[in-house]
Amino acid sequence: AYKRKRFPSWLYLLSILVVELAQASLKAREIIFQTVSAISQEFFIALPSQEAMNENPDNVEDFYRMITRCVSSAPVALISHKPLLSSSLRASIPAVRINERNAQRTV
């Protein structure tokens, strides 16, 4: 659904699921991180530059809130998804320079 309609609410919902399922079974954790990875790819396609991020600060804010929740709820699982971790870190460089303060704080 996020691929068709890039609403921040999808990112927010997924961030809540990360917290709720982080301590669940290994299978549940794997499914949630596969979903985070898939949505992250769409996020990076949709917002490839600082300008695109400036135009969509709510998406940036909720994406990095989701990543923050991954770090705090399941750090080992996040580290095991190296492509997700490295692309999130790379995208954070232009994201810290966006104009919206709330979005900046989450990065």
PDB file of N, CA and C in Angstrom:
ATOM      1  N   ALA A   1       0.810  -1.195   0.000  1.00  0.00           N
ATOM      2  CA  ALA A   1       0.000   0.000   0.000  1.00  0.00           C
ATOM      3  C   ALA A   1       0.856   1.264   0.000  1.00  0.00           C
ATOM      4  N   TYR A   2       1.988   1.229   0.706  1.00  0.00           N
ATOM      5  CA  TYR A   2       2.851   2.412   0.767  1.00  0.00           C
ATOM      6  C   TYR A   2       3.391   2.761  -0.615  1.00  0.00           C
ATOM      7  N   LYS A   3       3.607   1.750  -1.451  1.00  0.00           N
ATOM      8  CA  LYS A   3       4.127   1.991  -2.798  1.00  0.00           C
ATOM      9  C   LYS A   3       3.150   2.822  -3.629  1.00  0.00           C
ATOM     10  N   ARG A   4       1.856   2.573  -3.472  1.00  0.00           N
ATOM     11  CA  ARG A   4       0.855   3.310  -4.235  1.00  0.00           C
ATOM     12  C   ARG A   4       0.549   4.671  -3.638  1.00  0.00           C
ATOM     13  N   LYS A   5       0.440   4.734  -2.328  1.00  0.00           N
ATOM     14  CA  LYS A   5       0.091   5.977  -1.621  1.00  0.00           C
ATOM     15  C   LYS A   5       1.104   6.177  -0.505  1.00  0.00           C
ATOM     16  N   ARG A   6       2.019   7.061  -0.719  1.00  0.00           N
ATOM     17  CA  ARG A   6       3.100   7.257   0.247  1.00  0.00           C
ATOM     18  C   ARG A   6       2.658   8.156   1.401  1.00  0.00           C
ATOM     19  N   PHE A   7       1.771   7.638   2.211  1.00  0.00           N
ATOM     20  CA  PHE A   7       1.278   8.380   3.358  1.00  0.00           C
ATOM     21  C   PHE A   7       2.158   8.103   4.573  1.00  0.00           C
ATOM     22  N   PRO A   8       2.489   9.134   5.319  1.00  0.00           N
ATOM     23  CA  PRO A   8       3.282   8.926   6.534  1.00  0.00           C
ATOM     24  C   PRO A   8       2.611   7.980   7.522  1.00  0.00           C
ATOM     25  N   SER A   9       1.293   7.892   7.476  1.00  0.00           N
ATOM     26  CA  SER A   9       0.597   7.021   8.426  1.00  0.00           C
ATOM     27  C   SER A   9       1.021   5.558   8.283  1.00  0.00           C
ATOM     28  N   TRP A  10       1.403   5.122   7.080  1.00  0.00           N
ATOM     29  CA  TRP A  10       1.897   3.750   6.900  1.00  0.00           C
ATOM     30  C   TRP A  10       3.197   3.565   7.665  1.00  0.00           C
ATOM     31  N   LEU A  11       4.055   4.572   7.597  1.00  0.00           N
ATOM     32  CA  LEU A  11       5.332   4.500   8.307  1.00  0.00           C
ATOM     33  C   LEU A  11       5.103   4.490   9.817  1.00  0.00           C
ATOM     34  N   TYR A  12       4.174   5.316  10.264  1.00  0.00           N
ATOM     35  CA  TYR A  12       3.865   5.368  11.686  1.00  0.00           C
ATOM     36  C   TYR A  12       3.323   4.020  12.169  1.00  0.00           C
ATOM     37  N   LEU A  13       2.390   3.466  11.425  1.00  0.00           N
ATOM     38  CA  LEU A  13       1.815   2.172  11.785  1.00  0.00           C
ATOM     39  C   LEU A  13       2.899   1.099  11.843  1.00  0.00           C
ATOM     40  N   LEU A  14       3.770   1.082  10.872  1.00  0.00           N
ATOM     41  CA  LEU A  14       4.844   0.095  10.860  1.00  0.00           C
ATOM     42  C   LEU A  14       5.784   0.295  12.050  1.00  0.00           C
ATOM     43  N   SER A  15       6.022   1.540  12.424  1.00  0.00           N
ATOM     44  CA  SER A  15       6.899   1.784  13.575  1.00  0.00           C
ATOM     45  C   SER A  15       6.274   1.227  14.862  1.00  0.00           C
ATOM     46  N   ILE A  16       4.961   1.304  14.980  1.00  0.00           N
ATOM     47  CA  ILE A  16       4.270   0.725  16.137  1.00  0.00           C
ATOM     48  C   ILE A  16       4.381  -0.797  16.104  1.00  0.00           C
ATOM     49  N   LEU A  17       4.215  -1.379  14.922  1.00  0.00           N
ATOM     50  CA  LEU A  17       4.352  -2.839  14.799  1.00  0.00           C
ATOM     51  C   LEU A  17       5.761  -3.301  15.148  1.00  0.00           C
ATOM     52  N   VAL A  18       6.761  -2.503  14.785  1.00  0.00           N
ATOM     53  CA  VAL A  18       8.142  -2.842  15.139  1.00  0.00           C
ATOM     54  C   VAL A  18       8.260  -2.983  16.651  1.00  0.00           C
ATOM     55  N   VAL A  19       7.745  -2.015  17.370  1.00  0.00           N
ATOM     56  CA  VAL A  19       7.824  -2.040  18.842  1.00  0.00           C
ATOM     57  C   VAL A  19       7.061  -3.244  19.394  1.00  0.00           C
ATOM     58  N   GLU A  20       5.864  -3.471  18.882  1.00  0.00           N
ATOM     59  CA  GLU A  20       5.023  -4.541  19.409  1.00  0.00           C
ATOM     60  C   GLU A  20       5.563  -5.934  19.077  1.00  0.00           C
ATOM     61  N   LEU A  21       6.174  -6.088  17.917  1.00  0.00           N
ATOM     62  CA  LEU A  21       6.614  -7.419  17.487  1.00  0.00           C
ATOM     63  C   LEU A  21       8.108  -7.665  17.673  1.00  0.00           C
ATOM     64  N   ALA A  22       8.829  -6.682  18.149  1.00  0.00           N
ATOM     65  CA  ALA A  22      10.281  -6.822  18.296  1.00  0.00           C
ATOM     66  C   ALA A  22      10.661  -7.966  19.218  1.00  0.00           C
ATOM     67  N   GLN A  23       9.865  -8.212  20.223  1.00  0.00           N
ATOM     68  CA  GLN A  23      10.173  -9.278  21.176  1.00  0.00           C
ATOM     69  C   GLN A  23       9.345 -10.535  20.919  1.00  0.00           C
ATOM     70  N   ALA A  24       8.658 -10.551  19.794  1.00  0.00           N
ATOM     71  CA  ALA A  24       7.846 -11.719  19.440  1.00  0.00           C
ATOM     72  C   ALA A  24       8.753 -12.821  18.900  1.00  0.00           C
ATOM     73  N   SER A  25       8.171 -13.771  18.264  1.00  0.00           N
ATOM     74  CA  SER A  25       8.939 -14.889  17.715  1.00  0.00           C
ATOM     75  C   SER A  25       9.912 -14.408  16.646  1.00  0.00           C
ATOM     76  N   LEU A  26      10.895 -15.229  16.402  1.00  0.00           N
ATOM     77  CA  LEU A  26      11.883 -14.919  15.371  1.00  0.00           C
ATOM     78  C   LEU A  26      11.205 -14.741  14.018  1.00  0.00           C
ATOM     79  N   LYS A  27      10.220 -15.568  13.722  1.00  0.00           N
ATOM     80  CA  LYS A  27       9.488 -15.479  12.449  1.00  0.00           C
ATOM     81  C   LYS A  27       8.757 -14.139  12.328  1.00  0.00           C
ATOM     82  N   ALA A  28       8.097 -13.704  13.398  1.00  0.00           N
ATOM     83  CA  ALA A  28       7.383 -12.415  13.376  1.00  0.00           C
ATOM     84  C   ALA A  28       8.362 -11.271  13.187  1.00  0.00           C
ATOM     85  N   ARG A  29       9.479 -11.345  13.879  1.00  0.00           N
ATOM     86  CA  ARG A  29      10.499 -10.292  13.763  1.00  0.00           C
ATOM     87  C   ARG A  29      11.058 -10.238  12.340  1.00  0.00           C
ATOM     88  N   GLU A  30      11.285 -11.394  11.749  1.00  0.00           N
ATOM     89  CA  GLU A  30      11.801 -11.443  10.382  1.00  0.00           C
ATOM     90  C   GLU A  30      10.799 -10.841   9.399  1.00  0.00           C
ATOM     91  N   ILE A  31       9.534 -11.156   9.565  1.00  0.00           N
ATOM     92  CA  ILE A  31       8.494 -10.606   8.687  1.00  0.00           C
ATOM     93  C   ILE A  31       8.429  -9.088   8.820  1.00  0.00           C
ATOM     94  N   ILE A  32       8.469  -8.593  10.039  1.00  0.00           N
ATOM     95  CA  ILE A  32       8.371  -7.145  10.229  1.00  0.00           C
ATOM     96  C   ILE A  32       9.588  -6.439   9.634  1.00  0.00           C
ATOM     97  N   PHE A  33      10.781  -7.028   9.772  1.00  0.00           N
ATOM     98  CA  PHE A  33      11.958  -6.373   9.203  1.00  0.00           C
ATOM     99  C   PHE A  33      12.009  -6.509   7.684  1.00  0.00           C
ATOM    100  N   GLN A  34      11.446  -7.540   7.126  1.00  0.00           N
ATOM    101  CA  GLN A  34      11.314  -7.620   5.670  1.00  0.00           C
ATOM    102  C   GLN A  34      10.392  -6.507   5.177  1.00  0.00           C
ATOM    103  N   THR A  35       9.326  -6.266   5.937  1.00  0.00           N
ATOM    104  CA  THR A  35       8.393  -5.190   5.583  1.00  0.00           C
ATOM    105  C   THR A  35       9.056  -3.833   5.711  1.00  0.00           C
ATOM    106  N   VAL A  36       9.797  -3.621   6.788  1.00  0.00           N
ATOM    107  CA  VAL A  36      10.537  -2.363   6.968  1.00  0.00           C
ATOM    108  C   VAL A  36      11.507  -2.164   5.805  1.00  0.00           C
ATOM    109  N   SER A  37      12.212  -3.206   5.407  1.00  0.00           N
ATOM    110  CA  SER A  37      13.152  -3.114   4.291  1.00  0.00           C
ATOM    111  C   SER A  37      12.451  -2.754   2.987  1.00  0.00           C
ATOM    112  N   ALA A  38      11.322  -3.396   2.724  1.00  0.00           N
ATOM    113  CA  ALA A  38      10.581  -3.129   1.486  1.00  0.00           C
ATOM    114  C   ALA A  38      10.061  -1.689   1.462  1.00  0.00           C
ATOM    115  N   ILE A  39       9.513  -1.232   2.570  1.00  0.00           N
ATOM    116  CA  ILE A  39       9.007   0.139   2.624  1.00  0.00           C
ATOM    117  C   ILE A  39      10.159   1.136   2.546  1.00  0.00           C
ATOM    118  N   SER A  40      11.284   0.787   3.144  1.00  0.00           N
ATOM    119  CA  SER A  40      12.452   1.669   3.083  1.00  0.00           C
ATOM    120  C   SER A  40      12.916   1.864   1.646  1.00  0.00           C
ATOM    121  N   GLN A  41      12.918   0.791   0.873  1.00  0.00           N
ATOM    122  CA  GLN A  41      13.301   0.914  -0.535  1.00  0.00           C
ATOM    123  C   GLN A  41      12.385   1.886  -1.263  1.00  0.00           C
ATOM    124  N   GLU A  42      11.093   1.794  -0.996  1.00  0.00           N
ATOM    125  CA  GLU A  42      10.141   2.719  -1.614  1.00  0.00           C
ATOM    126  C   GLU A  42      10.374   4.155  -1.136  1.00  0.00           C
ATOM    127  N   PHE A  43      10.699   4.307   0.126  1.00  0.00           N
ATOM    128  CA  PHE A  43      10.997   5.628   0.684  1.00  0.00           C
ATOM    129  C   PHE A  43      12.187   6.246  -0.051  1.00  0.00           C
ATOM    130  N   PHE A  44      13.249   5.464  -0.243  1.00  0.00           N
ATOM    131  CA  PHE A  44      14.446   5.991  -0.894  1.00  0.00           C
ATOM    132  C   PHE A  44      14.214   6.294  -2.373  1.00  0.00           C
ATOM    133  N   ILE A  45      13.341   5.545  -3.014  1.00  0.00           N
ATOM    134  CA  ILE A  45      12.991   5.825  -4.416  1.00  0.00           C
ATOM    135  C   ILE A  45      12.174   7.114  -4.495  1.00  0.00           C
ATOM    136  N   ALA A  46      11.223   7.251  -3.586  1.00  0.00           N
ATOM    137  CA  ALA A  46      10.328   8.416  -3.611  1.00  0.00           C
ATOM    138  C   ALA A  46      11.027   9.698  -3.184  1.00  0.00           C
ATOM    139  N   LEU A  47      11.994   9.587  -2.274  1.00  0.00           N
ATOM    140  CA  LEU A  47      12.662  10.777  -1.732  1.00  0.00           C
ATOM    141  C   LEU A  47      14.176  10.642  -1.890  1.00  0.00           C
ATOM    142  N   PRO A  48      14.665  10.740  -3.129  1.00  0.00           N
ATOM    143  CA  PRO A  48      16.084  10.488  -3.371  1.00  0.00           C
ATOM    144  C   PRO A  48      17.012  11.671  -3.070  1.00  0.00           C
ATOM    145  N   SER A  49      16.439  12.825  -2.777  1.00  0.00           N
ATOM    146  CA  SER A  49      17.278  14.014  -2.611  1.00  0.00           C
ATOM    147  C   SER A  49      16.779  14.875  -1.454  1.00  0.00           C
ATOM    148  N   GLN A  50      17.599  15.824  -1.087  1.00  0.00           N
ATOM    149  CA  GLN A  50      17.213  16.754  -0.026  1.00  0.00           C
ATOM    150  C   GLN A  50      15.978  17.549  -0.441  1.00  0.00           C
ATOM    151  N   GLU A  51      15.888  17.926  -1.702  1.00  0.00           N
ATOM    152  CA  GLU A  51      14.726  18.683  -2.177  1.00  0.00           C
ATOM    153  C   GLU A  51      13.449  17.871  -2.020  1.00  0.00           C
ATOM    154  N   ALA A  52      13.508  16.602  -2.404  1.00  0.00           N
ATOM    155  CA  ALA A  52      12.327  15.741  -2.266  1.00  0.00           C
ATOM    156  C   ALA A  52      11.956  15.571  -0.796  1.00  0.00           C
ATOM    157  N   MET A  53      12.966  15.478   0.055  1.00  0.00           N
ATOM    158  CA  MET A  53      12.697  15.355   1.490  1.00  0.00           C
ATOM    159  C   MET A  53      12.086  16.638   2.047  1.00  0.00           C
ATOM    160  N   ASN A  54      12.546  17.796   1.557  1.00  0.00           N
ATOM    161  CA  ASN A  54      11.968  19.074   1.987  1.00  0.00           C
ATOM    162  C   ASN A  54      10.493  19.166   1.630  1.00  0.00           C
ATOM    163  N   GLU A  55      10.112  18.553   0.516  1.00  0.00           N
ATOM    164  CA  GLU A  55       8.724  18.596   0.071  1.00  0.00           C
ATOM    165  C   GLU A  55       7.833  17.596   0.820  1.00  0.00           C
ATOM    166  N   ASN A  56       8.448  16.652   1.530  1.00  0.00           N
ATOM    167  CA  ASN A  56       7.706  15.600   2.230  1.00  0.00           C
ATOM    168  C   ASN A  56       8.229  15.390   3.649  1.00  0.00           C
ATOM    169  N   PRO A  57       8.236  16.434   4.461  1.00  0.00           N
ATOM    170  CA  PRO A  57       8.839  16.297   5.799  1.00  0.00           C
ATOM    171  C   PRO A  57       8.119  15.296   6.697  1.00  0.00           C
ATOM    172  N   ASP A  58       6.819  15.110   6.504  1.00  0.00           N
ATOM    173  CA  ASP A  58       6.093  14.139   7.336  1.00  0.00           C
ATOM    174  C   ASP A  58       6.578  12.717   7.064  1.00  0.00           C
ATOM    175  N   ASN A  59       6.852  12.412   5.801  1.00  0.00           N
ATOM    176  CA  ASN A  59       7.399  11.093   5.464  1.00  0.00           C
ATOM    177  C   ASN A  59       8.769  10.904   6.084  1.00  0.00           C
ATOM    178  N   VAL A  60       9.604  11.939   6.023  1.00  0.00           N
ATOM    179  CA  VAL A  60      10.942  11.857   6.605  1.00  0.00           C
ATOM    180  C   VAL A  60      10.845  11.642   8.114  1.00  0.00           C
ATOM    181  N   GLU A  61      10.006  12.424   8.749  1.00  0.00           N
ATOM    182  CA  GLU A  61       9.847  12.312  10.204  1.00  0.00           C
ATOM    183  C   GLU A  61       9.392  10.911  10.608  1.00  0.00           C
ATOM    184  N   ASP A  62       8.367  10.396   9.956  1.00  0.00           N
ATOM    185  CA  ASP A  62       7.850   9.085  10.336  1.00  0.00           C
ATOM    186  C   ASP A  62       8.792   7.952   9.927  1.00  0.00           C
ATOM    187  N   PHE A  63       9.523   8.126   8.828  1.00  0.00           N
ATOM    188  CA  PHE A  63      10.500   7.097   8.447  1.00  0.00           C
ATOM    189  C   PHE A  63      11.592   6.986   9.506  1.00  0.00           C
ATOM    190  N   TYR A  64      12.158   8.109   9.906  1.00  0.00           N
ATOM    191  CA  TYR A  64      13.241   8.041  10.893  1.00  0.00           C
ATOM    192  C   TYR A  64      12.728   7.720  12.297  1.00  0.00           C
ATOM    193  N   ARG A  65      11.489   8.008  12.580  1.00  0.00           N
ATOM    194  CA  ARG A  65      10.899   7.548  13.839  1.00  0.00           C
ATOM    195  C   ARG A  65      10.810   6.015  13.811  1.00  0.00           C
ATOM    196  N   MET A  66      10.434   5.467  12.652  1.00  0.00           N
ATOM    197  CA  MET A  66      10.374   4.019  12.509  1.00  0.00           C
ATOM    198  C   MET A  66      11.769   3.405  12.685  1.00  0.00           C
ATOM    199  N   ILE A  67      12.787   3.989  12.074  1.00  0.00           N
ATOM    200  CA  ILE A  67      14.150   3.478  12.202  1.00  0.00           C
ATOM    201  C   ILE A  67      14.629   3.592  13.652  1.00  0.00           C
ATOM    202  N   THR A  68      14.297   4.689  14.307  1.00  0.00           N
ATOM    203  CA  THR A  68      14.663   4.855  15.719  1.00  0.00           C
ATOM    204  C   THR A  68      14.025   3.758  16.563  1.00  0.00           C
ATOM    205  N   ARG A  69      12.791   3.440  16.277  1.00  0.00           N
ATOM    206  CA  ARG A  69      12.113   2.369  17.022  1.00  0.00           C
ATOM    207  C   ARG A  69      12.728   1.009  16.714  1.00  0.00           C
ATOM    208  N   CYS A  70      13.215   0.828  15.504  1.00  0.00           N
ATOM    209  CA  CYS A  70      13.934  -0.414  15.183  1.00  0.00           C
ATOM    210  C   CYS A  70      15.207  -0.511  16.020  1.00  0.00           C
ATOM    211  N   VAL A  71      15.928   0.584  16.117  1.00  0.00           N
ATOM    212  CA  VAL A  71      17.167   0.602  16.891  1.00  0.00           C
ATOM    213  C   VAL A  71      16.890   0.328  18.364  1.00  0.00           C
ATOM    214  N   SER A  72      15.871   0.968  18.912  1.00  0.00           N
ATOM    215  CA  SER A  72      15.611   0.812  20.349  1.00  0.00           C
ATOM    216  C   SER A  72      14.911  -0.500  20.687  1.00  0.00           C
ATOM    217  N   SER A  73      14.106  -1.037  19.782  1.00  0.00           N
ATOM    218  CA  SER A  73      13.333  -2.244  20.085  1.00  0.00           C
ATOM    219  C   SER A  73      14.021  -3.537  19.665  1.00  0.00           C
ATOM    220  N   ALA A  74      14.769  -3.478  18.587  1.00  0.00           N
ATOM    221  CA  ALA A  74      15.395  -4.698  18.060  1.00  0.00           C
ATOM    222  C   ALA A  74      16.722  -4.368  17.374  1.00  0.00           C
ATOM    223  N   PRO A  75      17.695  -3.894  18.141  1.00  0.00           N
ATOM    224  CA  PRO A  75      18.963  -3.476  17.521  1.00  0.00           C
ATOM    225  C   PRO A  75      19.687  -4.597  16.790  1.00  0.00           C
ATOM    226  N   VAL A  76      19.669  -5.799  17.335  1.00  0.00           N
ATOM    227  CA  VAL A  76      20.363  -6.907  16.681  1.00  0.00           C
ATOM    228  C   VAL A  76      19.695  -7.244  15.346  1.00  0.00           C
ATOM    229  N   ALA A  77      18.384  -7.228  15.327  1.00  0.00           N
ATOM    230  CA  ALA A  77      17.661  -7.502  14.080  1.00  0.00           C
ATOM    231  C   ALA A  77      17.968  -6.440  13.030  1.00  0.00           C
ATOM    232  N   LEU A  78      18.054  -5.180  13.450  1.00  0.00           N
ATOM    233  CA  LEU A  78      18.369  -4.112  12.501  1.00  0.00           C
ATOM    234  C   LEU A  78      19.784  -4.276  11.964  1.00  0.00           C
ATOM    235  N   ILE A  79      20.721  -4.567  12.826  1.00  0.00           N
ATOM    236  CA  ILE A  79      22.111  -4.741  12.390  1.00  0.00           C
ATOM    237  C   ILE A  79      22.234  -5.911  11.422  1.00  0.00           C
ATOM    238  N   SER A  80      21.425  -6.935  11.608  1.00  0.00           N
ATOM    239  CA  SER A  80      21.481  -8.085  10.706  1.00  0.00           C
ATOM    240  C   SER A  80      20.934  -7.765   9.319  1.00  0.00           C
ATOM    241  N   HIS A  81      20.181  -6.682   9.198  1.00  0.00           N
ATOM    242  CA  HIS A  81      19.690  -6.221   7.891  1.00  0.00           C
ATOM    243  C   HIS A  81      20.610  -5.095   7.417  1.00  0.00           C
ATOM    244  N   LYS A  82      21.819  -5.456   7.035  1.00  0.00           N
ATOM    245  CA  LYS A  82      22.838  -4.465   6.686  1.00  0.00           C
ATOM    246  C   LYS A  82      22.428  -3.510   5.565  1.00  0.00           C
ATOM    247  N   PRO A  83      21.776  -3.971   4.503  1.00  0.00           N
ATOM    248  CA  PRO A  83      21.362  -3.011   3.463  1.00  0.00           C
ATOM    249  C   PRO A  83      20.410  -1.938   4.005  1.00  0.00           C
ATOM    250  N   LEU A  84      19.482  -2.344   4.863  1.00  0.00           N
ATOM    251  CA  LEU A  84      18.555  -1.383   5.457  1.00  0.00           C
ATOM    252  C   LEU A  84      19.314  -0.386   6.328  1.00  0.00           C
ATOM    253  N   LEU A  85      20.198  -0.873   7.148  1.00  0.00           N
ATOM    254  CA  LEU A  85      20.961  -0.003   8.044  1.00  0.00           C
ATOM    255  C   LEU A  85      21.837   0.966   7.261  1.00  0.00           C
ATOM    256  N   SER A  86      22.575   0.464   6.287  1.00  0.00           N
ATOM    257  CA  SER A  86      23.482   1.348   5.540  1.00  0.00           C
ATOM    258  C   SER A  86      22.725   2.360   4.684  1.00  0.00           C
ATOM    259  N   SER A  87      21.631   1.961   4.053  1.00  0.00           N
ATOM    260  CA  SER A  87      20.880   2.920   3.241  1.00  0.00           C
ATOM    261  C   SER A  87      20.197   3.967   4.127  1.00  0.00           C
ATOM    262  N   SER A  88      19.749   3.573   5.304  1.00  0.00           N
ATOM    263  CA  SER A  88      19.142   4.538   6.233  1.00  0.00           C
ATOM    264  C   SER A  88      20.166   5.558   6.695  1.00  0.00           C
ATOM    265  N   LEU A  89      21.356   5.096   6.975  1.00  0.00           N
ATOM    266  CA  LEU A  89      22.416   6.020   7.393  1.00  0.00           C
ATOM    267  C   LEU A  89      22.813   6.956   6.253  1.00  0.00           C
ATOM    268  N   ARG A  90      22.943   6.413   5.044  1.00  0.00           N
ATOM    269  CA  ARG A  90      23.295   7.259   3.890  1.00  0.00           C
ATOM    270  C   ARG A  90      22.230   8.316   3.625  1.00  0.00           C
ATOM    271  N   ALA A  91      20.985   7.938   3.731  1.00  0.00           N
ATOM    272  CA  ALA A  91      19.894   8.882   3.484  1.00  0.00           C
ATOM    273  C   ALA A  91      19.770   9.916   4.586  1.00  0.00           C
ATOM    274  N   SER A  92      20.315   9.634   5.741  1.00  0.00           N
ATOM    275  CA  SER A  92      20.217  10.598   6.835  1.00  0.00           C
ATOM    276  C   SER A  92      21.067  11.838   6.593  1.00  0.00           C
ATOM    277  N   ILE A  93      22.073  11.743   5.746  1.00  0.00           N
ATOM    278  CA  ILE A  93      22.942  12.896   5.483  1.00  0.00           C
ATOM    279  C   ILE A  93      22.153  14.054   4.873  1.00  0.00           C
ATOM    280  N   PRO A  94      21.437  13.850   3.756  1.00  0.00           N
ATOM    281  CA  PRO A  94      20.625  14.971   3.270  1.00  0.00           C
ATOM    282  C   PRO A  94      19.426  15.268   4.161  1.00  0.00           C
ATOM    283  N   ALA A  95      18.953  14.258   4.873  1.00  0.00           N
ATOM    284  CA  ALA A  95      17.761  14.456   5.708  1.00  0.00           C
ATOM    285  C   ALA A  95      18.010  15.408   6.866  1.00  0.00           C
ATOM    286  N   VAL A  96      19.219  15.453   7.386  1.00  0.00           N
ATOM    287  CA  VAL A  96      19.479  16.360   8.518  1.00  0.00           C
ATOM    288  C   VAL A  96      19.467  17.817   8.092  1.00  0.00           C
ATOM    289  N   ARG A  97      19.509  18.052   6.789  1.00  0.00           N
ATOM    290  CA  ARG A  97      19.518  19.431   6.295  1.00  0.00           C
ATOM    291  C   ARG A  97      18.158  19.904   5.786  1.00  0.00           C
ATOM    292  N   ILE A  98      17.110  19.152   6.047  1.00  0.00           N
ATOM    293  CA  ILE A  98      15.800  19.597   5.574  1.00  0.00           C
ATOM    294  C   ILE A  98      15.300  20.742   6.443  1.00  0.00           C
ATOM    295  N   ASN A  99      14.340  21.460   5.928  1.00  0.00           N
ATOM    296  CA  ASN A  99      13.867  22.683   6.577  1.00  0.00           C
ATOM    297  C   ASN A  99      12.953  22.446   7.767  1.00  0.00           C
ATOM    298  N   GLU A 100      12.225  21.382   7.788  1.00  0.00           N
ATOM    299  CA  GLU A 100      11.245  21.109   8.838  1.00  0.00           C
ATOM    300  C   GLU A 100      11.942  20.610  10.108  1.00  0.00           C
ATOM    301  N   ARG A 101      11.789  21.355  11.197  1.00  0.00           N
ATOM    302  CA  ARG A 101      12.478  21.022  12.457  1.00  0.00           C
ATOM    303  C   ARG A 101      12.075  19.683  13.049  1.00  0.00           C
ATOM    304  N   ASN A 102      10.792  19.386  13.071  1.00  0.00           N
ATOM    305  CA  ASN A 102      10.354  18.114  13.656  1.00  0.00           C
ATOM    306  C   ASN A 102      10.960  16.925  12.905  1.00  0.00           C
ATOM    307  N   ALA A 103      11.009  17.035  11.598  1.00  0.00           N
ATOM    308  CA  ALA A 103      11.610  15.969  10.804  1.00  0.00           C
ATOM    309  C   ALA A 103      13.112  15.895  11.071  1.00  0.00           C
ATOM    310  N   GLN A 104      13.765  17.044  11.180  1.00  0.00           N
ATOM    311  CA  GLN A 104      15.205  17.069  11.485  1.00  0.00           C
ATOM    312  C   GLN A 104      15.503  16.363  12.789  1.00  0.00           C
ATOM    313  N   ARG A 105      14.698  16.592  13.787  1.00  0.00           N
ATOM    314  CA  ARG A 105      14.934  16.001  15.117  1.00  0.00           C
ATOM    315  C   ARG A 105      14.884  14.483  15.089  1.00  0.00           C
ATOM    316  N   THR A 106      14.050  13.910  14.246  1.00  0.00           N
ATOM    317  CA  THR A 106      13.940  12.450  14.224  1.00  0.00           C
ATOM    318  C   THR A 106      15.125  11.803  13.533  1.00  0.00           C
ATOM    319  N   VAL A 107      15.762  12.543  12.646  1.00  0.00           N
ATOM    320  CA  VAL A 107      16.917  12.000  11.938  1.00  0.00           C
ATOM    321  C   VAL A 107      18.059  11.914  12.902  1.00  0.00           C
TER     322      VAL A 107
END
